[in-house]
Amino acid sequence: MRNINTLVLGILTVLITWFGNTVMELKDSVKDLSSEIKVLQTKNDNLKEKNDDLKYKVEQWEKKLEDIRETAKRNRLQ
């Protein structure tokens, strides 16, 4: 009976140790992923800002182009 209790205790100890190690590994993985997510969010925010800047520049160039076209039309008519 004593051998069985010792065996069960040993198995439980191994399982608890394995489970604890697995939990710690998962915890570390979650930390790493959280850090990576923050970096990606920052990059995404920066890209959105650059995209907005480029959209604004495109709008300004389109306005300039339209002004040039109108000027060219007026010059042809004169």
C-alpha atoms as a PDB file:
ATOM      1  CA  MET A   1       0.000   0.000   0.000  1.00  0.00           C
ATOM      2  CA  ARG A   2       2.869   2.270   0.817  1.00  0.00           C
ATOM      3  CA  ASN A   3       4.431   1.707  -2.591  1.00  0.00           C
ATOM      4  CA  ILE A   4       1.179   2.653  -4.305  1.00  0.00           C
ATOM      5  CA  ASN A   5       0.888   5.864  -2.247  1.00  0.00           C
ATOM      6  CA  THR A   6       4.502   6.745  -3.074  1.00  0.00           C
ATOM      7  CA  LEU A   7       3.893   6.038  -6.760  1.00  0.00           C
ATOM      8  CA  VAL A   8       0.724   8.151  -6.821  1.00  0.00           C
ATOM      9  CA  LEU A   9       2.497  10.954  -4.970  1.00  0.00           C
ATOM     10  CA  GLY A  10       5.394  10.785  -7.440  1.00  0.00           C
ATOM     11  CA  ILE A  11       3.061  10.879 -10.437  1.00  0.00           C
ATOM     12  CA  LEU A  12       1.148  13.821  -8.952  1.00  0.00           C
ATOM     13  CA  THR A  13       4.407  15.658  -8.299  1.00  0.00           C
ATOM     14  CA  VAL A  14       5.534  15.140 -11.892  1.00  0.00           C
ATOM     15  CA  LEU A  15       2.164  16.251 -13.260  1.00  0.00           C
ATOM     16  CA  ILE A  16       2.027  19.344 -11.041  1.00  0.00           C
ATOM     17  CA  THR A  17       5.594  20.279 -11.984  1.00  0.00           C
ATOM     18  CA  TRP A  18       4.855  19.797 -15.695  1.00  0.00           C
ATOM     19  CA  PHE A  19       1.638  21.815 -15.407  1.00  0.00           C
ATOM     20  CA  GLY A  20       3.445  24.609 -13.549  1.00  0.00           C
ATOM     21  CA  ASN A  21       6.184  24.744 -16.178  1.00  0.00           C
ATOM     22  CA  THR A  22       3.612  24.791 -18.957  1.00  0.00           C
ATOM     23  CA  VAL A  23       1.744  27.644 -17.295  1.00  0.00           C
ATOM     24  CA  MET A  24       4.974  29.637 -16.923  1.00  0.00           C
ATOM     25  CA  GLU A  25       5.856  29.067 -20.587  1.00  0.00           C
ATOM     26  CA  LEU A  26       2.393  30.211 -21.618  1.00  0.00           C
ATOM     27  CA  LYS A  27       2.723  33.269 -19.395  1.00  0.00           C
ATOM     28  CA  ASP A  28       6.031  34.161 -21.073  1.00  0.00           C
ATOM     29  CA  SER A  29       4.504  33.621 -24.501  1.00  0.00           C
ATOM     30  CA  VAL A  30       1.610  35.909 -23.642  1.00  0.00           C
ATOM     31  CA  LYS A  31       4.049  38.613 -22.494  1.00  0.00           C
ATOM     32  CA  ASP A  32       6.009  38.285 -25.740  1.00  0.00           C
ATOM     33  CA  LEU A  33       2.840  38.449 -27.821  1.00  0.00           C
ATOM     34  CA  SER A  34       1.598  41.468 -25.875  1.00  0.00           C
ATOM     35  CA  SER A  35       4.854  43.273 -26.579  1.00  0.00           C
ATOM     36  CA  GLU A  36       4.686  42.356 -30.240  1.00  0.00           C
ATOM     37  CA  ILE A  37       1.070  43.532 -30.458  1.00  0.00           C
ATOM     38  CA  LYS A  38       2.033  46.903 -28.963  1.00  0.00           C
ATOM     39  CA  VAL A  39       4.832  47.298 -31.504  1.00  0.00           C
ATOM     40  CA  LEU A  40       2.499  46.378 -34.368  1.00  0.00           C
ATOM     41  CA  GLN A  41      -0.178  48.778 -33.113  1.00  0.00           C
ATOM     42  CA  THR A  42       2.370  51.579 -33.024  1.00  0.00           C
ATOM     43  CA  LYS A  43       3.521  50.741 -36.552  1.00  0.00           C
ATOM     44  CA  ASN A  44      -0.098  50.603 -37.684  1.00  0.00           C
ATOM     45  CA  ASP A  45      -0.818  54.013 -36.153  1.00  0.00           C
ATOM     46  CA  ASN A  46       2.255  55.458 -37.861  1.00  0.00           C
ATOM     47  CA  LEU A  47       1.201  53.990 -41.200  1.00  0.00           C
ATOM     48  CA  LYS A  48      -2.316  55.405 -40.805  1.00  0.00           C
ATOM     49  CA  GLU A  49      -0.833  58.821 -40.129  1.00  0.00           C
ATOM     50  CA  LYS A  50       1.433  58.579 -43.189  1.00  0.00           C
ATOM     51  CA  ASN A  51      -1.541  57.411 -45.258  1.00  0.00           C
ATOM     52  CA  ASP A  52      -3.581  60.412 -44.143  1.00  0.00           C
ATOM     53  CA  ASP A  53      -0.679  62.724 -45.005  1.00  0.00           C
ATOM     54  CA  LEU A  54      -0.358  61.159 -48.451  1.00  0.00           C
ATOM     55  CA  LYS A  55      -4.106  61.440 -49.065  1.00  0.00           C
ATOM     56  CA  TYR A  56      -3.927  65.120 -48.195  1.00  0.00           C
ATOM     57  CA  LYS A  57      -0.958  65.625 -50.550  1.00  0.00           C
ATOM     58  CA  VAL A  58      -2.795  63.821 -53.359  1.00  0.00           C
ATOM     59  CA  GLU A  59      -5.820  66.068 -52.846  1.00  0.00           C
ATOM     60  CA  GLN A  60      -3.599  69.136 -53.022  1.00  0.00           C
ATOM     61  CA  TRP A  61      -1.924  67.918 -56.214  1.00  0.00           C
ATOM     62  CA  GLU A  62      -5.307  67.136 -57.747  1.00  0.00           C
ATOM     63  CA  LYS A  63      -6.451  70.689 -56.977  1.00  0.00           C
ATOM     64  CA  LYS A  64      -3.277  72.111 -58.515  1.00  0.00           C
ATOM     65  CA  LEU A  65      -3.756  69.917 -61.581  1.00  0.00           C
ATOM     66  CA  GLU A  66      -7.343  71.097 -61.966  1.00  0.00           C
ATOM     67  CA  ASP A  67      -6.203  74.725 -61.673  1.00  0.00           C
ATOM     68  CA  ILE A  68      -3.579  74.112 -64.369  1.00  0.00           C
ATOM     69  CA  ARG A  69      -6.186  72.523 -66.645  1.00  0.00           C
ATOM     70  CA  GLU A  70      -8.552  75.450 -66.168  1.00  0.00           C
ATOM     71  CA  THR A  71      -5.757  77.911 -66.859  1.00  0.00           C
ATOM     72  CA  ALA A  72      -4.817  75.978 -69.999  1.00  0.00           C
ATOM     73  CA  LYS A  73      -8.445  76.044 -71.205  1.00  0.00           C
ATOM     74  CA  ARG A  74      -8.680  79.804 -70.648  1.00  0.00           C
ATOM     75  CA  ASN A  75      -5.395  80.380 -72.465  1.00  0.00           C
ATOM     76  CA  ARG A  76      -6.584  78.328 -75.449  1.00  0.00           C
ATOM     77  CA  LEU A  77      -9.812  80.300 -75.643  1.00  0.00           C
ATOM     78  CA  GLN A  78      -8.016  83.651 -75.697  1.00  0.00           C
END
